[in-house]
Amino acid sequence: MILPALLPSANTRPFRVLFAACAALLLAVPLVAMQFTAEVDWGVGDFLAAGMMFALLGAGLDIALRLPASWRLRAVLATGAVGAFLLVWAELAVGIFD
């Protein structure tokens, strides 16, 4: 059974569209940079990994903003989603756990 709060609603549609547009723009930055410099060398796997990370972040934020009733809990869940995203990003970029 799906919780009613997890079903798509008209209230969160603008957030999802805006987040998807921002994610696409952020993915376009290395694509454009690769045309001008050899220092940026992303492969298909890099774009897929970044796209998956953005998709998971967007889903986490969407659920965090819709599911709990308390604004404090929403803030904690959204902060946790952003923190997890930044931690994985830093690990993939420079290997902070090595």
N, C-alpha and C. Protein backbone atom coordinates (compact mmCIF):
# COMPACT_ATOMS: atom_id res chain seq x y z
N MET A 1 0.84 -1.17 0.00
CA MET A 1 0.00 0.00 0.00
C MET A 1 0.89 1.24 0.00
N ILE A 2 0.56 2.17 -0.83
CA ILE A 2 1.34 3.41 -0.93
C ILE A 2 0.72 4.46 -0.02
N LEU A 3 1.59 5.12 0.74
CA LEU A 3 1.11 6.21 1.59
C LEU A 3 0.57 7.33 0.71
N PRO A 4 -0.54 7.93 1.08
CA PRO A 4 -1.09 9.01 0.26
C PRO A 4 -0.13 10.18 0.10
N ALA A 5 0.73 10.42 1.07
CA ALA A 5 1.68 11.53 0.98
C ALA A 5 2.75 11.29 -0.08
N LEU A 6 2.97 10.02 -0.46
CA LEU A 6 3.98 9.71 -1.46
C LEU A 6 3.46 9.79 -2.88
N LEU A 7 2.15 9.87 -3.05
CA LEU A 7 1.58 10.00 -4.38
C LEU A 7 1.86 11.40 -4.92
N PRO A 8 2.07 11.52 -6.23
CA PRO A 8 2.32 12.85 -6.80
C PRO A 8 1.17 13.80 -6.54
N SER A 9 1.51 15.04 -6.28
CA SER A 9 0.48 16.04 -6.04
C SER A 9 0.81 17.29 -6.84
N ALA A 10 -0.20 18.10 -7.05
CA ALA A 10 -0.01 19.35 -7.79
C ALA A 10 0.84 20.34 -7.00
N ASN A 11 0.89 20.20 -5.69
CA ASN A 11 1.65 21.13 -4.86
C ASN A 11 3.16 20.99 -5.05
N THR A 12 3.64 19.78 -5.34
CA THR A 12 5.08 19.57 -5.46
C THR A 12 5.55 19.54 -6.91
N ARG A 13 4.65 19.65 -7.86
CA ARG A 13 5.06 19.62 -9.27
C ARG A 13 6.03 20.75 -9.61
N PRO A 14 5.81 21.99 -9.19
CA PRO A 14 6.79 23.04 -9.52
C PRO A 14 8.18 22.76 -8.94
N PHE A 15 8.24 22.17 -7.75
CA PHE A 15 9.53 21.82 -7.17
C PHE A 15 10.24 20.79 -8.03
N ARG A 16 9.52 19.77 -8.46
CA ARG A 16 10.15 18.72 -9.26
C ARG A 16 10.63 19.25 -10.59
N VAL A 17 9.85 20.10 -11.23
CA VAL A 17 10.26 20.67 -12.52
C VAL A 17 11.47 21.57 -12.35
N LEU A 18 11.47 22.41 -11.34
CA LEU A 18 12.60 23.30 -11.09
C LEU A 18 13.85 22.52 -10.74
N PHE A 19 13.72 21.49 -9.92
CA PHE A 19 14.87 20.68 -9.54
C PHE A 19 15.44 19.95 -10.76
N ALA A 20 14.57 19.40 -11.61
CA ALA A 20 15.04 18.70 -12.81
C ALA A 20 15.75 19.67 -13.76
N ALA A 21 15.25 20.89 -13.88
CA ALA A 21 15.90 21.88 -14.75
C ALA A 21 17.27 22.26 -14.19
N CYS A 22 17.36 22.46 -12.89
CA CYS A 22 18.66 22.79 -12.27
C CYS A 22 19.64 21.64 -12.41
N ALA A 23 19.18 20.42 -12.23
CA ALA A 23 20.06 19.25 -12.38
C ALA A 23 20.56 19.14 -13.81
N ALA A 24 19.69 19.38 -14.78
CA ALA A 24 20.12 19.33 -16.18
C ALA A 24 21.15 20.41 -16.48
N LEU A 25 20.94 21.60 -15.93
CA LEU A 25 21.93 22.67 -16.14
C LEU A 25 23.27 22.32 -15.50
N LEU A 26 23.23 21.73 -14.31
CA LEU A 26 24.48 21.34 -13.65
C LEU A 26 25.19 20.23 -14.42
N LEU A 27 24.45 19.34 -15.04
CA LEU A 27 25.06 18.29 -15.84
C LEU A 27 25.60 18.85 -17.16
N ALA A 28 25.05 19.96 -17.61
CA ALA A 28 25.53 20.57 -18.85
C ALA A 28 26.85 21.29 -18.67
N VAL A 29 27.16 21.69 -17.44
CA VAL A 29 28.41 22.43 -17.20
C VAL A 29 29.64 21.62 -17.61
N PRO A 30 29.82 20.37 -17.14
CA PRO A 30 31.00 19.62 -17.60
C PRO A 30 30.93 19.27 -19.08
N LEU A 31 29.73 19.09 -19.61
CA LEU A 31 29.60 18.79 -21.04
C LEU A 31 30.11 19.94 -21.88
N VAL A 32 29.77 21.16 -21.51
CA VAL A 32 30.26 22.34 -22.22
C VAL A 32 31.74 22.53 -21.95
N ALA A 33 32.18 22.33 -20.73
CA ALA A 33 33.59 22.52 -20.39
C ALA A 33 34.49 21.56 -21.15
N MET A 34 34.00 20.35 -21.44
CA MET A 34 34.80 19.39 -22.20
C MET A 34 35.07 19.87 -23.62
N GLN A 35 34.23 20.76 -24.13
CA GLN A 35 34.42 21.27 -25.48
C GLN A 35 35.56 22.29 -25.54
N PHE A 36 35.91 22.89 -24.40
CA PHE A 36 36.88 23.97 -24.39
C PHE A 36 38.20 23.62 -23.73
N THR A 37 38.25 22.59 -22.90
CA THR A 37 39.48 22.26 -22.21
C THR A 37 39.62 20.74 -22.07
N ALA A 38 40.86 20.30 -22.03
CA ALA A 38 41.13 18.87 -21.87
C ALA A 38 41.17 18.47 -20.40
N GLU A 39 41.12 19.45 -19.50
CA GLU A 39 41.18 19.15 -18.08
C GLU A 39 39.90 18.51 -17.56
N VAL A 40 38.80 18.74 -18.23
CA VAL A 40 37.53 18.12 -17.87
C VAL A 40 37.33 16.94 -18.82
N ASP A 41 37.34 15.74 -18.25
CA ASP A 41 37.25 14.54 -19.08
C ASP A 41 36.25 13.57 -18.46
N TRP A 42 34.98 13.83 -18.67
CA TRP A 42 33.94 12.97 -18.14
C TRP A 42 33.56 11.94 -19.19
N GLY A 43 33.28 10.73 -18.73
CA GLY A 43 32.78 9.69 -19.60
C GLY A 43 31.29 9.50 -19.39
N VAL A 44 30.74 8.55 -20.10
CA VAL A 44 29.30 8.27 -19.98
C VAL A 44 28.97 7.85 -18.55
N GLY A 45 29.83 7.06 -17.95
CA GLY A 45 29.60 6.61 -16.57
C GLY A 45 29.55 7.75 -15.57
N ASP A 46 30.38 8.76 -15.81
CA ASP A 46 30.39 9.92 -14.92
C ASP A 46 29.06 10.68 -14.99
N PHE A 47 28.56 10.85 -16.21
CA PHE A 47 27.28 11.53 -16.37
C PHE A 47 26.14 10.71 -15.79
N LEU A 48 26.20 9.40 -15.96
CA LEU A 48 25.16 8.53 -15.37
C LEU A 48 25.19 8.58 -13.85
N ALA A 49 26.39 8.54 -13.28
CA ALA A 49 26.52 8.59 -11.82
C ALA A 49 26.01 9.92 -11.28
N ALA A 50 26.38 11.02 -11.92
CA ALA A 50 25.91 12.34 -11.48
C ALA A 50 24.40 12.46 -11.64
N GLY A 51 23.88 11.96 -12.76
CA GLY A 51 22.43 12.00 -12.97
C GLY A 51 21.68 11.18 -11.93
N MET A 52 22.22 10.01 -11.58
CA MET A 52 21.59 9.18 -10.56
C MET A 52 21.65 9.86 -9.19
N MET A 53 22.77 10.50 -8.90
CA MET A 53 22.88 11.21 -7.62
C MET A 53 21.87 12.36 -7.54
N PHE A 54 21.72 13.12 -8.62
CA PHE A 54 20.74 14.20 -8.64
C PHE A 54 19.31 13.65 -8.53
N ALA A 55 19.04 12.54 -9.19
CA ALA A 55 17.71 11.94 -9.12
C ALA A 55 17.39 11.48 -7.70
N LEU A 56 18.35 10.85 -7.04
CA LEU A 56 18.14 10.41 -5.66
C LEU A 56 18.00 11.59 -4.70
N LEU A 57 18.77 12.64 -4.93
CA LEU A 57 18.64 13.84 -4.10
C LEU A 57 17.26 14.46 -4.29
N GLY A 58 16.83 14.58 -5.52
CA GLY A 58 15.51 15.15 -5.78
C GLY A 58 14.39 14.32 -5.17
N ALA A 59 14.49 13.00 -5.27
CA ALA A 59 13.47 12.13 -4.67
C ALA A 59 13.49 12.26 -3.15
N GLY A 60 14.69 12.30 -2.57
CA GLY A 60 14.79 12.44 -1.12
C GLY A 60 14.23 13.76 -0.62
N LEU A 61 14.53 14.84 -1.33
CA LEU A 61 13.99 16.14 -0.94
C LEU A 61 12.48 16.20 -1.13
N ASP A 62 12.00 15.62 -2.21
CA ASP A 62 10.56 15.62 -2.47
C ASP A 62 9.81 14.85 -1.37
N ILE A 63 10.32 13.71 -1.00
CA ILE A 63 9.69 12.93 0.07
C ILE A 63 9.83 13.64 1.41
N ALA A 64 11.01 14.23 1.65
CA ALA A 64 11.22 14.93 2.92
C ALA A 64 10.29 16.12 3.06
N LEU A 65 9.97 16.77 1.97
CA LEU A 65 9.11 17.94 2.03
C LEU A 65 7.62 17.59 2.04
N ARG A 66 7.27 16.37 1.65
CA ARG A 66 5.86 15.99 1.61
C ARG A 66 5.41 15.11 2.76
N LEU A 67 6.26 14.22 3.21
CA LEU A 67 5.82 13.16 4.12
C LEU A 67 5.56 13.62 5.55
N PRO A 68 6.50 14.19 6.27
CA PRO A 68 6.24 14.50 7.68
C PRO A 68 5.35 15.74 7.85
N ALA A 69 4.67 15.78 8.98
CA ALA A 69 3.76 16.90 9.25
C ALA A 69 4.49 18.08 9.87
N SER A 70 5.57 17.84 10.56
CA SER A 70 6.28 18.89 11.27
C SER A 70 7.34 19.54 10.37
N TRP A 71 7.41 20.87 10.39
CA TRP A 71 8.42 21.57 9.60
C TRP A 71 9.82 21.27 10.13
N ARG A 72 9.96 21.04 11.41
CA ARG A 72 11.26 20.71 11.98
C ARG A 72 11.76 19.38 11.44
N LEU A 73 10.87 18.39 11.39
CA LEU A 73 11.25 17.09 10.85
C LEU A 73 11.54 17.18 9.36
N ARG A 74 10.78 18.00 8.64
CA ARG A 74 11.05 18.20 7.22
C ARG A 74 12.45 18.78 7.02
N ALA A 75 12.82 19.75 7.84
CA ALA A 75 14.14 20.37 7.73
C ALA A 75 15.24 19.36 8.03
N VAL A 76 15.04 18.53 9.03
CA VAL A 76 16.05 17.52 9.39
C VAL A 76 16.21 16.50 8.26
N LEU A 77 15.10 16.03 7.69
CA LEU A 77 15.19 15.06 6.60
C LEU A 77 15.80 15.67 5.35
N ALA A 78 15.44 16.90 5.02
CA ALA A 78 16.02 17.56 3.85
C ALA A 78 17.52 17.80 4.06
N THR A 79 17.91 18.20 5.26
CA THR A 79 19.33 18.39 5.56
C THR A 79 20.09 17.07 5.47
N GLY A 80 19.47 16.00 5.93
CA GLY A 80 20.09 14.68 5.82
C GLY A 80 20.27 14.26 4.37
N ALA A 81 19.28 14.52 3.52
CA ALA A 81 19.39 14.17 2.11
C ALA A 81 20.51 14.97 1.44
N VAL A 82 20.57 16.26 1.73
CA VAL A 82 21.64 17.10 1.14
C VAL A 82 23.00 16.67 1.70
N GLY A 83 23.08 16.37 2.98
CA GLY A 83 24.33 15.93 3.58
C GLY A 83 24.83 14.62 2.98
N ALA A 84 23.92 13.67 2.78
CA ALA A 84 24.30 12.41 2.16
C ALA A 84 24.78 12.62 0.72
N PHE A 85 24.09 13.50 0.00
CA PHE A 85 24.51 13.82 -1.37
C PHE A 85 25.92 14.40 -1.39
N LEU A 86 26.18 15.37 -0.50
CA LEU A 86 27.50 16.01 -0.47
C LEU A 86 28.59 15.04 -0.04
N LEU A 87 28.27 14.13 0.86
CA LEU A 87 29.25 13.14 1.31
C LEU A 87 29.63 12.19 0.17
N VAL A 88 28.64 11.69 -0.56
CA VAL A 88 28.92 10.80 -1.69
C VAL A 88 29.66 11.56 -2.78
N TRP A 89 29.26 12.80 -3.03
CA TRP A 89 29.92 13.62 -4.05
C TRP A 89 31.40 13.82 -3.71
N ALA A 90 31.68 14.16 -2.46
CA ALA A 90 33.07 14.36 -2.05
C ALA A 90 33.87 13.07 -2.14
N GLU A 91 33.27 11.96 -1.79
CA GLU A 91 33.97 10.67 -1.87
C GLU A 91 34.29 10.33 -3.32
N LEU A 92 33.34 10.54 -4.22
CA LEU A 92 33.59 10.23 -5.63
C LEU A 92 34.58 11.21 -6.25
N ALA A 93 34.59 12.46 -5.78
CA ALA A 93 35.47 13.46 -6.38
C ALA A 93 36.92 13.30 -5.93
N VAL A 94 37.14 13.19 -4.64
CA VAL A 94 38.52 13.18 -4.15
C VAL A 94 38.84 12.02 -3.22
N GLY A 95 37.87 11.19 -2.87
CA GLY A 95 38.15 10.05 -2.01
C GLY A 95 38.48 10.45 -0.59
N ILE A 96 37.55 11.05 0.11
CA ILE A 96 37.81 11.54 1.46
C ILE A 96 38.00 10.43 2.48
N PHE A 97 37.60 9.22 2.16
CA PHE A 97 37.71 8.11 3.11
C PHE A 97 38.96 7.27 2.89
N ASP A 98 39.83 7.66 1.98
CA ASP A 98 41.06 6.89 1.73
C ASP A 98 42.15 7.25 2.69
